[in-house]
Structures are given as structure tokens and as C-alpha cells.
PDB file of all heavy atoms in Angstrom:
ATOM      1  N   GLY A   1      -3.937  57.484  24.705  1.00  0.00           N
ATOM      2  CA  GLY A   1      -4.346  58.537  25.618  1.00  0.00           C
ATOM      3  C   GLY A   1      -4.752  58.008  26.976  1.00  0.00           C
ATOM      4  O   GLY A   1      -5.267  56.894  27.091  1.00  0.00           O
ATOM      5  N   CYS A   2      -4.513  58.818  28.002  1.00  0.00           N
ATOM      6  CA  CYS A   2      -4.838  58.422  29.379  1.00  0.00           C
ATOM      7  C   CYS A   2      -5.950  59.273  29.975  1.00  0.00           C
ATOM      8  O   CYS A   2      -6.175  59.239  31.186  1.00  0.00           O
ATOM      9  CB  CYS A   2      -3.590  58.519  30.247  1.00  0.00           C
ATOM     10  SG  CYS A   2      -2.279  57.428  29.711  1.00  0.00           S
ATOM     11  N   GLY A   3      -6.627  60.058  29.138  1.00  0.00           N
ATOM     12  CA  GLY A   3      -7.720  60.875  29.643  1.00  0.00           C
ATOM     13  C   GLY A   3      -7.247  61.934  30.627  1.00  0.00           C
ATOM     14  O   GLY A   3      -6.060  62.067  30.916  1.00  0.00           O
ATOM     15  N   THR A   4      -8.199  62.670  31.157  1.00  0.00           N
ATOM     16  CA  THR A   4      -7.844  63.736  32.101  1.00  0.00           C
ATOM     17  C   THR A   4      -7.223  63.179  33.375  1.00  0.00           C
ATOM     18  O   THR A   4      -6.430  63.848  34.035  1.00  0.00           O
ATOM     19  CB  THR A   4      -9.087  64.566  32.455  1.00  0.00           C
ATOM     20  OG1 THR A   4     -10.121  63.686  32.932  1.00  0.00           O
ATOM     21  CG2 THR A   4      -9.591  65.319  31.252  1.00  0.00           C
ATOM     22  N   TRP A   5      -7.563  61.924  33.714  1.00  0.00           N
ATOM     23  CA  TRP A   5      -6.969  61.321  34.918  1.00  0.00           C
ATOM     24  C   TRP A   5      -5.455  61.230  34.781  1.00  0.00           C
ATOM     25  O   TRP A   5      -4.725  61.378  35.750  1.00  0.00           O
ATOM     26  CB  TRP A   5      -7.548  59.930  35.162  1.00  0.00           C
ATOM     27  CG  TRP A   5      -9.020  59.907  35.373  1.00  0.00           C
ATOM     28  CD1 TRP A   5      -9.803  60.953  35.775  1.00  0.00           C
ATOM     29  CD2 TRP A   5      -9.902  58.797  35.190  1.00  0.00           C
ATOM     30  NE1 TRP A   5     -11.119  60.547  35.848  1.00  0.00           N
ATOM     31  CE2 TRP A   5     -11.209  59.240  35.505  1.00  0.00           C
ATOM     32  CE3 TRP A   5      -9.715  57.480  34.790  1.00  0.00           C
ATOM     33  CZ2 TRP A   5     -12.310  58.406  35.437  1.00  0.00           C
ATOM     34  CZ3 TRP A   5     -10.816  56.644  34.713  1.00  0.00           C
ATOM     35  CH2 TRP A   5     -12.103  57.105  35.037  1.00  0.00           C
ATOM     36  N   GLY A   6      -4.991  60.945  33.565  1.00  0.00           N
ATOM     37  CA  GLY A   6      -3.547  60.818  33.329  1.00  0.00           C
ATOM     38  C   GLY A   6      -2.941  62.039  32.675  1.00  0.00           C
ATOM     39  O   GLY A   6      -1.816  61.992  32.185  1.00  0.00           O
ATOM     40  N   GLY A   7      -3.687  63.143  32.635  1.00  0.00           N
ATOM     41  CA  GLY A   7      -3.157  64.379  32.067  1.00  0.00           C
ATOM     42  C   GLY A   7      -3.198  64.433  30.558  1.00  0.00           C
ATOM     43  O   GLY A   7      -2.459  65.191  29.932  1.00  0.00           O
ATOM     44  N   SER A   8      -4.076  63.639  29.933  1.00  0.00           N
ATOM     45  CA  SER A   8      -4.187  63.615  28.472  1.00  0.00           C
ATOM     46  C   SER A   8      -5.483  64.280  28.017  1.00  0.00           C
ATOM     47  O   SER A   8      -6.465  64.295  28.752  1.00  0.00           O
ATOM     48  CB  SER A   8      -4.160  62.173  27.955  1.00  0.00           C
ATOM     49  OG  SER A   8      -2.960  61.521  28.283  1.00  0.00           O
ATOM     50  N   ALA A   9      -5.471  64.763  26.779  1.00  0.00           N
ATOM     51  CA  ALA A   9      -6.663  65.394  26.227  1.00  0.00           C
ATOM     52  C   ALA A   9      -7.651  64.369  25.705  1.00  0.00           C
ATOM     53  O   ALA A   9      -8.790  64.706  25.387  1.00  0.00           O
ATOM     54  CB  ALA A   9      -6.273  66.351  25.106  1.00  0.00           C
ATOM     55  N   THR A  10      -7.208  63.109  25.590  1.00  0.00           N
ATOM     56  CA  THR A  10      -8.098  62.051  25.123  1.00  0.00           C
ATOM     57  C   THR A  10      -7.830  60.776  25.913  1.00  0.00           C
ATOM     58  O   THR A  10      -6.717  60.562  26.400  1.00  0.00           O
ATOM     59  CB  THR A  10      -7.917  61.780  23.613  1.00  0.00           C
ATOM     60  OG1 THR A  10      -8.816  60.741  23.209  1.00  0.00           O
ATOM     61  CG2 THR A  10      -6.497  61.344  23.292  1.00  0.00           C
ATOM     62  N   SER A  11      -8.847  59.942  26.010  1.00  0.00           N
ATOM     63  CA  SER A  11      -8.680  58.627  26.642  1.00  0.00           C
ATOM     64  C   SER A  11      -8.587  57.530  25.588  1.00  0.00           C
ATOM     65  O   SER A  11      -8.497  56.357  25.910  1.00  0.00           O
ATOM     66  CB  SER A  11      -9.862  58.334  27.578  1.00  0.00           C
ATOM     67  OG  SER A  11     -11.080  58.359  26.855  1.00  0.00           O
ATOM     68  N   ASP A  12      -8.584  57.914  24.318  1.00  0.00           N
ATOM     69  CA  ASP A  12      -8.600  56.956  23.213  1.00  0.00           C
ATOM     70  C   ASP A  12      -7.194  56.582  22.746  1.00  0.00           C
ATOM     71  O   ASP A  12      -6.221  57.290  23.004  1.00  0.00           O
ATOM     72  CB  ASP A  12      -9.330  57.552  22.001  1.00  0.00           C
ATOM     73  CG  ASP A  12     -10.786  57.855  22.274  1.00  0.00           C
ATOM     74  OD1 ASP A  12     -11.370  57.210  23.166  1.00  0.00           O
ATOM     75  OD2 ASP A  12     -11.335  58.744  21.605  1.00  0.00           O
ATOM     76  N   ASN A  13      -7.127  55.495  21.977  1.00  0.00           N
ATOM     77  CA  ASN A  13      -5.993  55.279  21.099  1.00  0.00           C
ATOM     78  C   ASN A  13      -6.159  56.268  19.949  1.00  0.00           C
ATOM     79  O   ASN A  13      -7.222  56.313  19.317  1.00  0.00           O
ATOM     80  CB  ASN A  13      -5.986  53.849  20.569  1.00  0.00           C
ATOM     81  CG  ASN A  13      -5.515  52.846  21.609  1.00  0.00           C
ATOM     82  OD1 ASN A  13      -5.478  53.135  22.802  1.00  0.00           O
ATOM     83  ND2 ASN A  13      -5.156  51.657  21.155  1.00  0.00           N
ATOM     84  N   VAL A  14      -5.142  57.055  19.672  1.00  0.00           N
ATOM     85  CA  VAL A  14      -5.278  58.160  18.726  1.00  0.00           C
ATOM     86  C   VAL A  14      -5.344  57.643  17.287  1.00  0.00           C
ATOM     87  O   VAL A  14      -4.511  56.847  16.846  1.00  0.00           O
ATOM     88  CB  VAL A  14      -4.128  59.164  18.886  1.00  0.00           C
ATOM     89  CG1 VAL A  14      -4.192  60.255  17.825  1.00  0.00           C
ATOM     90  CG2 VAL A  14      -4.179  59.795  20.287  1.00  0.00           C
ATOM     91  N   THR A  15      -6.353  58.111  16.547  1.00  0.00           N
ATOM     92  CA  THR A  15      -6.585  57.727  15.149  1.00  0.00           C
ATOM     93  C   THR A  15      -6.716  58.998  14.304  1.00  0.00           C
ATOM     94  O   THR A  15      -6.712  60.117  14.843  1.00  0.00           O
ATOM     95  CB  THR A  15      -7.882  56.910  15.028  1.00  0.00           C
ATOM     96  OG1 THR A  15      -9.012  57.806  15.191  1.00  0.00           O
ATOM     97  CG2 THR A  15      -7.961  55.802  16.068  1.00  0.00           C
ATOM     98  N   PRO A  16      -6.863  58.860  12.982  1.00  0.00           N
ATOM     99  CA  PRO A  16      -7.067  60.056  12.152  1.00  0.00           C
ATOM    100  C   PRO A  16      -8.281  60.887  12.560  1.00  0.00           C
ATOM    101  O   PRO A  16      -8.309  62.103  12.325  1.00  0.00           O
ATOM    102  CB  PRO A  16      -7.253  59.469  10.746  1.00  0.00           C
ATOM    103  CG  PRO A  16      -6.465  58.207  10.767  1.00  0.00           C
ATOM    104  CD  PRO A  16      -6.668  57.653  12.149  1.00  0.00           C
ATOM    105  N   GLU A  17      -9.278  60.246  13.146  1.00  0.00           N
ATOM    106  CA  GLU A  17     -10.467  60.997  13.568  1.00  0.00           C
ATOM    107  C   GLU A  17     -10.157  62.014  14.660  1.00  0.00           C
ATOM    108  O   GLU A  17     -10.921  62.975  14.840  1.00  0.00           O
ATOM    109  CB  GLU A  17     -11.547  60.025  14.058  1.00  0.00           C
ATOM    110  CG  GLU A  17     -12.162  59.204  12.942  1.00  0.00           C
ATOM    111  CD  GLU A  17     -13.251  58.265  13.414  1.00  0.00           C
ATOM    112  OE1 GLU A  17     -13.107  57.702  14.521  1.00  0.00           O
ATOM    113  OE2 GLU A  17     -14.235  58.081  12.673  1.00  0.00           O
ATOM    114  N   HIS A  18      -9.053  61.804  15.389  1.00  0.00           N
ATOM    115  CA  HIS A  18      -8.651  62.784  16.399  1.00  0.00           C
ATOM    116  C   HIS A  18      -7.908  63.964  15.784  1.00  0.00           C
ATOM    117  O   HIS A  18      -7.594  64.936  16.483  1.00  0.00           O
ATOM    118  CB  HIS A  18      -7.759  62.119  17.448  1.00  0.00           C
ATOM    119  CG  HIS A  18      -8.454  61.072  18.257  1.00  0.00           C
ATOM    120  ND1 HIS A  18      -8.518  59.754  17.868  1.00  0.00           N
ATOM    121  CD2 HIS A  18      -9.127  61.152  19.433  1.00  0.00           C
ATOM    122  CE1 HIS A  18      -9.196  59.060  18.769  1.00  0.00           C
ATOM    123  NE2 HIS A  18      -9.585  59.878  19.725  1.00  0.00           N
ATOM    124  N   LEU A  19      -7.619  63.880  14.493  1.00  0.00           N
ATOM    125  CA  LEU A  19      -6.787  64.889  13.828  1.00  0.00           C
ATOM    126  C   LEU A  19      -7.569  65.701  12.805  1.00  0.00           C
ATOM    127  O   LEU A  19      -6.985  66.310  11.909  1.00  0.00           O
ATOM    128  CB  LEU A  19      -5.583  64.209  13.156  1.00  0.00           C
ATOM    129  CG  LEU A  19      -4.723  63.328  14.067  1.00  0.00           C
ATOM    130  CD1 LEU A  19      -3.565  62.739  13.283  1.00  0.00           C
ATOM    131  CD2 LEU A  19      -4.209  64.106  15.273  1.00  0.00           C
ATOM    132  N   ILE A  20      -8.889  65.706  12.923  1.00  0.00           N
ATOM    133  CA  ILE A  20      -9.712  66.535  12.045  1.00  0.00           C
ATOM    134  C   ILE A  20     -10.568  67.477  12.878  1.00  0.00           C
ATOM    135  O   ILE A  20     -10.955  67.172  14.004  1.00  0.00           O
ATOM    136  CB  ILE A  20     -10.625  65.685  11.126  1.00  0.00           C
ATOM    137  CG1 ILE A  20     -11.541  64.773  11.950  1.00  0.00           C
ATOM    138  CG2 ILE A  20      -9.805  64.887  10.122  1.00  0.00           C
ATOM    139  CD1 ILE A  20     -12.593  64.042  11.114  1.00  0.00           C
ATOM    140  N   ASN A  21     -10.841  68.638  12.290  1.00  0.00           N
ATOM    141  CA  ASN A  21     -11.874  69.529  12.811  1.00  0.00           C
ATOM    142  C   ASN A  21     -13.171  69.203  12.081  1.00  0.00           C
ATOM    143  O   ASN A  21     -13.145  68.859  10.891  1.00  0.00           O
ATOM    144  CB  ASN A  21     -11.505  70.992  12.544  1.00  0.00           C
ATOM    145  CG  ASN A  21     -10.300  71.435  13.349  1.00  0.00           C
ATOM    146  OD1 ASN A  21     -10.252  71.260  14.559  1.00  0.00           O
ATOM    147  ND2 ASN A  21      -9.319  72.021  12.672  1.00  0.00           N
ATOM    148  N   ILE A  22     -14.275  69.290  12.775  1.00  0.00           N
ATOM    149  CA  ILE A  22     -15.567  68.985  12.142  1.00  0.00           C
ATOM    150  C   ILE A  22     -16.400  70.252  12.048  1.00  0.00           C
ATOM    151  O   ILE A  22     -16.734  70.881  13.057  1.00  0.00           O
ATOM    152  CB  ILE A  22     -16.332  67.894  12.917  1.00  0.00           C
ATOM    153  CG1 ILE A  22     -15.509  66.599  12.938  1.00  0.00           C
ATOM    154  CG2 ILE A  22     -17.701  67.652  12.287  1.00  0.00           C
ATOM    155  CD1 ILE A  22     -16.136  65.484  13.728  1.00  0.00           C
ATOM    156  N   LYS A  23     -16.701  70.625  10.803  1.00  0.00           N
ATOM    157  CA  LYS A  23     -17.539  71.790  10.517  1.00  0.00           C
ATOM    158  C   LYS A  23     -18.977  71.307  10.362  1.00  0.00           C
ATOM    159  O   LYS A  23     -19.221  70.265   9.748  1.00  0.00           O
ATOM    160  CB  LYS A  23     -17.064  72.435   9.221  1.00  0.00           C
ATOM    161  CG  LYS A  23     -17.859  73.645   8.763  1.00  0.00           C
ATOM    162  CD  LYS A  23     -17.436  74.044   7.351  1.00  0.00           C
ATOM    163  CE  LYS A  23     -15.985  74.479   7.319  1.00  0.00           C
ATOM    164  NZ  LYS A  23     -15.565  74.868   5.939  1.00  0.00           N
ATOM    165  N   ARG A  24     -19.932  72.041  10.908  1.00  0.00           N
ATOM    166  CA  ARG A  24     -21.342  71.637  10.834  1.00  0.00           C
ATOM    167  C   ARG A  24     -22.183  72.689  10.105  1.00  0.00           C
ATOM    168  O   ARG A  24     -22.129  73.870  10.448  1.00  0.00           O
ATOM    169  CB  ARG A  24     -21.891  71.379  12.240  1.00  0.00           C
ATOM    170  CG  ARG A  24     -21.279  70.121  12.871  1.00  0.00           C
ATOM    171  CD  ARG A  24     -21.667  69.928  14.320  1.00  0.00           C
ATOM    172  NE  ARG A  24     -21.124  68.656  14.823  1.00  0.00           N
ATOM    173  CZ  ARG A  24     -19.882  68.512  15.290  1.00  0.00           C
ATOM    174  NH1 ARG A  24     -19.067  69.551  15.334  1.00  0.00           N
ATOM    175  NH2 ARG A  24     -19.459  67.323  15.704  1.00  0.00           N
ATOM    176  N   VAL A  25     -22.912  72.215   9.137  1.00  0.00           N
ATOM    177  CA  VAL A  25     -23.893  73.047   8.429  1.00  0.00           C
ATOM    178  C   VAL A  25     -25.262  72.618   8.934  1.00  0.00           C
ATOM    179  O   VAL A  25     -25.674  71.472   8.726  1.00  0.00           O
ATOM    180  CB  VAL A  25     -23.798  72.838   6.911  1.00  0.00           C
ATOM    181  CG1 VAL A  25     -24.863  73.677   6.199  1.00  0.00           C
ATOM    182  CG2 VAL A  25     -22.410  73.186   6.411  1.00  0.00           C
ATOM    183  N   ALA A  26     -25.940  73.521   9.621  1.00  0.00           N
ATOM    184  CA  ALA A  26     -27.196  73.155  10.291  1.00  0.00           C
ATOM    185  C   ALA A  26     -28.329  74.080   9.857  1.00  0.00           C
ATOM    186  O   ALA A  26     -28.211  75.299   9.974  1.00  0.00           O
ATOM    187  CB  ALA A  26     -27.018  73.209  11.806  1.00  0.00           C
ATOM    188  N   TYR A  27     -29.416  73.487   9.344  1.00  0.00           N
ATOM    189  CA  TYR A  27     -30.619  74.238   8.977  1.00  0.00           C
ATOM    190  C   TYR A  27     -31.513  74.412  10.212  1.00  0.00           C
ATOM    191  O   TYR A  27     -31.574  73.537  11.073  1.00  0.00           O
ATOM    192  CB  TYR A  27     -31.412  73.493   7.906  1.00  0.00           C
ATOM    193  CG  TYR A  27     -30.810  73.563   6.528  1.00  0.00           C
ATOM    194  CD1 TYR A  27     -29.721  72.779   6.204  1.00  0.00           C
ATOM    195  CD2 TYR A  27     -31.345  74.419   5.558  1.00  0.00           C
ATOM    196  CE1 TYR A  27     -29.163  72.833   4.933  1.00  0.00           C
ATOM    197  CE2 TYR A  27     -30.798  74.480   4.283  1.00  0.00           C
ATOM    198  CZ  TYR A  27     -29.702  73.689   3.973  1.00  0.00           C
ATOM    199  OH  TYR A  27     -29.156  73.750   2.722  1.00  0.00           O
ATOM    200  N   GLY A  28     -32.222  75.529  10.247  1.00  0.00           N
ATOM    201  CA  GLY A  28     -33.190  75.725  11.314  1.00  0.00           C
ATOM    202  C   GLY A  28     -34.345  74.758  11.181  1.00  0.00           C
ATOM    203  O   GLY A  28     -34.951  74.668  10.110  1.00  0.00           O
ATOM    204  N   ILE A  29     -34.655  74.039  12.244  1.00  0.00           N
ATOM    205  CA  ILE A  29     -35.767  73.069  12.199  1.00  0.00           C
ATOM    206  C   ILE A  29     -36.784  73.331  13.308  1.00  0.00           C
ATOM    207  O   ILE A  29     -37.763  72.608  13.432  1.00  0.00           O
ATOM    208  CB  ILE A  29     -35.240  71.623  12.299  1.00  0.00           C
ATOM    209  CG1 ILE A  29     -34.466  71.414  13.599  1.00  0.00           C
ATOM    210  CG2 ILE A  29     -34.389  71.262  11.093  1.00  0.00           C
ATOM    211  CD1 ILE A  29     -34.060  69.966  13.860  1.00  0.00           C
ATOM    212  N   LYS A  30     -36.541  74.369  14.134  1.00  0.00           N
ATOM    213  CA  LYS A  30     -37.457  74.685  15.224  1.00  0.00           C
ATOM    214  C   LYS A  30     -37.798  76.173  15.152  1.00  0.00           C
ATOM    215  O   LYS A  30     -36.902  77.010  15.065  1.00  0.00           O
ATOM    216  CB  LYS A  30     -36.826  74.367  16.579  1.00  0.00           C
ATOM    217  CG  LYS A  30     -36.378  72.915  16.740  1.00  0.00           C
ATOM    218  CD  LYS A  30     -35.569  72.745  18.011  1.00  0.00           C
ATOM    219  CE  LYS A  30     -34.978  71.338  18.100  1.00  0.00           C
ATOM    220  NZ  LYS A  30     -34.102  71.188  19.290  1.00  0.00           N
ATOM    221  N   GLU A  31     -39.087  76.472  15.175  1.00  0.00           N
ATOM    222  CA  GLU A  31     -39.517  77.869  15.171  1.00  0.00           C
ATOM    223  C   GLU A  31     -39.458  78.431  16.581  1.00  0.00           C
ATOM    224  O   GLU A  31     -39.892  77.789  17.537  1.00  0.00           O
ATOM    225  CB  GLU A  31     -40.938  77.987  14.623  1.00  0.00           C
ATOM    226  CG  GLU A  31     -41.052  77.689  13.136  1.00  0.00           C
ATOM    227  CD  GLU A  31     -40.240  78.664  12.306  1.00  0.00           C
ATOM    228  OE1 GLU A  31     -40.137  79.849  12.699  1.00  0.00           O
ATOM    229  OE2 GLU A  31     -39.695  78.237  11.266  1.00  0.00           O
ATOM    230  N   ILE A  32     -38.897  79.625  16.703  1.00  0.00           N
ATOM    231  CA  ILE A  32     -38.820  80.307  17.998  1.00  0.00           C
ATOM    232  C   ILE A  32     -40.063  81.170  18.142  1.00  0.00           C
ATOM    233  O   ILE A  32     -40.306  82.087  17.350  1.00  0.00           O
ATOM    234  CB  ILE A  32     -37.558  81.177  18.084  1.00  0.00           C
ATOM    235  CG1 ILE A  32     -36.326  80.333  17.790  1.00  0.00           C
ATOM    236  CG2 ILE A  32     -37.454  81.825  19.461  1.00  0.00           C
ATOM    237  CD1 ILE A  32     -36.145  79.151  18.718  1.00  0.00           C
ATOM    238  N   GLU A  33     -40.873  80.893  19.153  1.00  0.00           N
ATOM    239  CA  GLU A  33     -42.168  81.556  19.287  1.00  0.00           C
ATOM    240  C   GLU A  33     -42.082  82.888  20.010  1.00  0.00           C
ATOM    241  O   GLU A  33     -42.857  83.792  19.745  1.00  0.00           O
ATOM    242  CB  GLU A  33     -43.138  80.638  20.025  1.00  0.00           C
ATOM    243  CG  GLU A  33     -43.443  79.356  19.243  1.00  0.00           C
ATOM    244  CD  GLU A  33     -44.396  78.451  19.976  1.00  0.00           C
ATOM    245  OE1 GLU A  33     -44.819  78.842  21.087  1.00  0.00           O
ATOM    246  OE2 GLU A  33     -44.726  77.373  19.461  1.00  0.00           O
ATOM    247  N   THR A  34     -41.162  83.027  20.938  1.00  0.00           N
ATOM    248  CA  THR A  34     -41.099  84.277  21.700  1.00  0.00           C
ATOM    249  C   THR A  34     -40.321  85.333  20.929  1.00  0.00           C
ATOM    250  O   THR A  34     -39.393  85.024  20.188  1.00  0.00           O
ATOM    251  CB  THR A  34     -40.434  84.043  23.065  1.00  0.00           C
ATOM    252  OG1 THR A  34     -40.330  85.288  23.756  1.00  0.00           O
ATOM    253  CG2 THR A  34     -39.023  83.480  22.907  1.00  0.00           C
ATOM    254  N   ASN A  35     -40.713  86.590  21.089  1.00  0.00           N
ATOM    255  CA  ASN A  35     -39.973  87.705  20.488  1.00  0.00           C
ATOM    256  C   ASN A  35     -38.953  88.278  21.442  1.00  0.00           C
ATOM    257  O   ASN A  35     -38.190  89.156  21.081  1.00  0.00           O
ATOM    258  CB  ASN A  35     -40.948  88.814  20.072  1.00  0.00           C
ATOM    259  CG  ASN A  35     -41.828  88.365  18.921  1.00  0.00           C
ATOM    260  OD1 ASN A  35     -41.350  87.674  18.029  1.00  0.00           O
ATOM    261  ND2 ASN A  35     -43.099  88.746  18.962  1.00  0.00           N
ATOM    262  N   SER A  36     -38.983  87.841  22.687  1.00  0.00           N
ATOM    263  CA  SER A  36     -38.098  88.405  23.712  1.00  0.00           C
ATOM    264  C   SER A  36     -37.015  87.417  24.083  1.00  0.00           C
ATOM    265  O   SER A  36     -37.290  86.374  24.667  1.00  0.00           O
ATOM    266  CB  SER A  36     -38.900  88.765  24.972  1.00  0.00           C
ATOM    267  OG  SER A  36     -38.001  89.138  25.996  1.00  0.00           O
ATOM    268  N   PRO A  37     -35.750  87.706  23.769  1.00  0.00           N
ATOM    269  CA  PRO A  37     -34.654  86.809  24.145  1.00  0.00           C
ATOM    270  C   PRO A  37     -34.458  86.737  25.641  1.00  0.00           C
ATOM    271  O   PRO A  37     -33.831  85.822  26.147  1.00  0.00           O
ATOM    272  CB  PRO A  37     -33.426  87.439  23.463  1.00  0.00           C
ATOM    273  CG  PRO A  37     -33.775  88.889  23.327  1.00  0.00           C
ATOM    274  CD  PRO A  37     -35.258  88.922  23.074  1.00  0.00           C
ATOM    275  N   LEU A  38     -35.057  87.722  26.361  1.00  0.00           N
ATOM    276  CA  LEU A  38     -34.887  87.741  27.812  1.00  0.00           C
ATOM    277  C   LEU A  38     -36.000  86.979  28.509  1.00  0.00           C
ATOM    278  O   LEU A  38     -35.967  86.795  29.722  1.00  0.00           O
ATOM    279  CB  LEU A  38     -34.873  89.186  28.323  1.00  0.00           C
ATOM    280  CG  LEU A  38     -33.803  90.084  27.683  1.00  0.00           C
ATOM    281  CD1 LEU A  38     -33.895  91.477  28.265  1.00  0.00           C
ATOM    282  CD2 LEU A  38     -32.423  89.510  27.915  1.00  0.00           C
ATOM    283  N   ASN A  39     -37.012  86.541  27.727  1.00  0.00           N
ATOM    284  CA  ASN A  39     -38.117  85.755  28.296  1.00  0.00           C
ATOM    285  C   ASN A  39     -38.802  86.486  29.447  1.00  0.00           C
ATOM    286  O   ASN A  39     -39.104  85.904  30.475  1.00  0.00           O
ATOM    287  CB  ASN A  39     -37.615  84.406  28.792  1.00  0.00           C
ATOM    288  CG  ASN A  39     -38.203  83.264  27.960  1.00  0.00           C
ATOM    289  OD1 ASN A  39     -39.069  83.501  27.132  1.00  0.00           O
ATOM    290  ND2 ASN A  39     -37.722  82.063  28.197  1.00  0.00           N
ATOM    291  N   ILE A  40     -39.044  87.791  29.296  1.00  0.00           N
ATOM    292  CA  ILE A  40     -39.685  88.571  30.357  1.00  0.00           C
ATOM    293  C   ILE A  40     -41.192  88.564  30.131  1.00  0.00           C
ATOM    294  O   ILE A  40     -41.664  88.953  29.060  1.00  0.00           O
ATOM    295  CB  ILE A  40     -39.182  90.029  30.356  1.00  0.00           C
ATOM    296  CG1 ILE A  40     -37.658  90.039  30.554  1.00  0.00           C
ATOM    297  CG2 ILE A  40     -39.889  90.856  31.420  1.00  0.00           C
ATOM    298  CD1 ILE A  40     -37.049  91.412  30.380  1.00  0.00           C
ATOM    299  N   PRO A  41     -41.988  88.083  31.100  1.00  0.00           N
ATOM    300  CA  PRO A  41     -43.456  88.046  30.941  1.00  0.00           C
ATOM    301  C   PRO A  41     -44.016  89.447  30.713  1.00  0.00           C
ATOM    302  O   PRO A  41     -43.496  90.442  31.245  1.00  0.00           O
ATOM    303  CB  PRO A  41     -43.943  87.458  32.261  1.00  0.00           C
ATOM    304  CG  PRO A  41     -42.744  86.749  32.834  1.00  0.00           C
ATOM    305  CD  PRO A  41     -41.563  87.529  32.389  1.00  0.00           C
ATOM    306  N   ASP A  42     -45.119  89.518  29.908  1.00  0.00           N
ATOM    307  CA  ASP A  42     -45.712  90.821  29.598  1.00  0.00           C
ATOM    308  C   ASP A  42     -46.127  91.572  30.851  1.00  0.00           C
ATOM    309  O   ASP A  42     -46.009  92.797  30.934  1.00  0.00           O
ATOM    310  CB  ASP A  42     -46.928  90.630  28.688  1.00  0.00           C
ATOM    311  CG  ASP A  42     -46.517  90.180  27.299  1.00  0.00           C
ATOM    312  OD1 ASP A  42     -45.322  90.378  26.959  1.00  0.00           O
ATOM    313  OD2 ASP A  42     -47.378  89.643  26.587  1.00  0.00           O
ATOM    314  N   LYS A  43     -46.621  90.864  31.873  1.00  0.00           N
ATOM    315  CA  LYS A  43     -47.135  91.537  33.058  1.00  0.00           C
ATOM    316  C   LYS A  43     -46.027  92.231  33.834  1.00  0.00           C
ATOM    317  O   LYS A  43     -46.295  93.080  34.688  1.00  0.00           O
ATOM    318  CB  LYS A  43     -47.868  90.549  33.959  1.00  0.00           C
ATOM    319  CG  LYS A  43     -46.969  89.456  34.537  1.00  0.00           C
ATOM    320  CD  LYS A  43     -47.771  88.535  35.444  1.00  0.00           C
ATOM    321  CE  LYS A  43     -46.876  87.471  36.078  1.00  0.00           C
ATOM    322  NZ  LYS A  43     -47.650  86.581  36.959  1.00  0.00           N
ATOM    323  N   SER A  44     -44.776  91.875  33.523  1.00  0.00           N
ATOM    324  CA  SER A  44     -43.681  92.518  34.242  1.00  0.00           C
ATOM    325  C   SER A  44     -43.480  93.938  33.756  1.00  0.00           C
ATOM    326  O   SER A  44     -42.730  94.702  34.345  1.00  0.00           O
ATOM    327  CB  SER A  44     -42.382  91.722  34.055  1.00  0.00           C
ATOM    328  OG  SER A  44     -41.980  91.767  32.701  1.00  0.00           O
ATOM    329  N   LEU A  45     -44.124  94.316  32.610  1.00  0.00           N
ATOM    330  CA  LEU A  45     -43.943  95.655  32.063  1.00  0.00           C
ATOM    331  C   LEU A  45     -45.161  96.532  32.362  1.00  0.00           C
ATOM    332  O   LEU A  45     -45.612  97.305  31.531  1.00  0.00           O
ATOM    333  CB  LEU A  45     -43.721  95.561  30.558  1.00  0.00           C
ATOM    334  CG  LEU A  45     -42.497  94.738  30.127  1.00  0.00           C
ATOM    335  CD1 LEU A  45     -42.439  94.651  28.610  1.00  0.00           C
ATOM    336  CD2 LEU A  45     -41.219  95.365  30.660  1.00  0.00           C
TER     337      LEU A  45
END
């Protein structure tokens, strides 16, 4: 591969690792404290 400079999608020598999709199973490890996804301060209401 020649990377984006050479018009390639990769700059690597292509291996089997370039030919797999990686699925991720992720557990929640951080508690979200705010109830507002818009993060609007209470005083704004």
C-alpha cells in the first residue's frame, strides 16, 4: 500500500489483518451523571 499520498486505502504491506472486520463487545464502565443530552444548565430554563 502507498497510503492516501499514493491513492491507496492503506500504507501497509497487506496481511490477513487487513481482510477482517472487527466487532467490539463493550460493557459500560462510566456512569453518565447528567440527565440532559443537550447539557443545558438549569438556570437557562
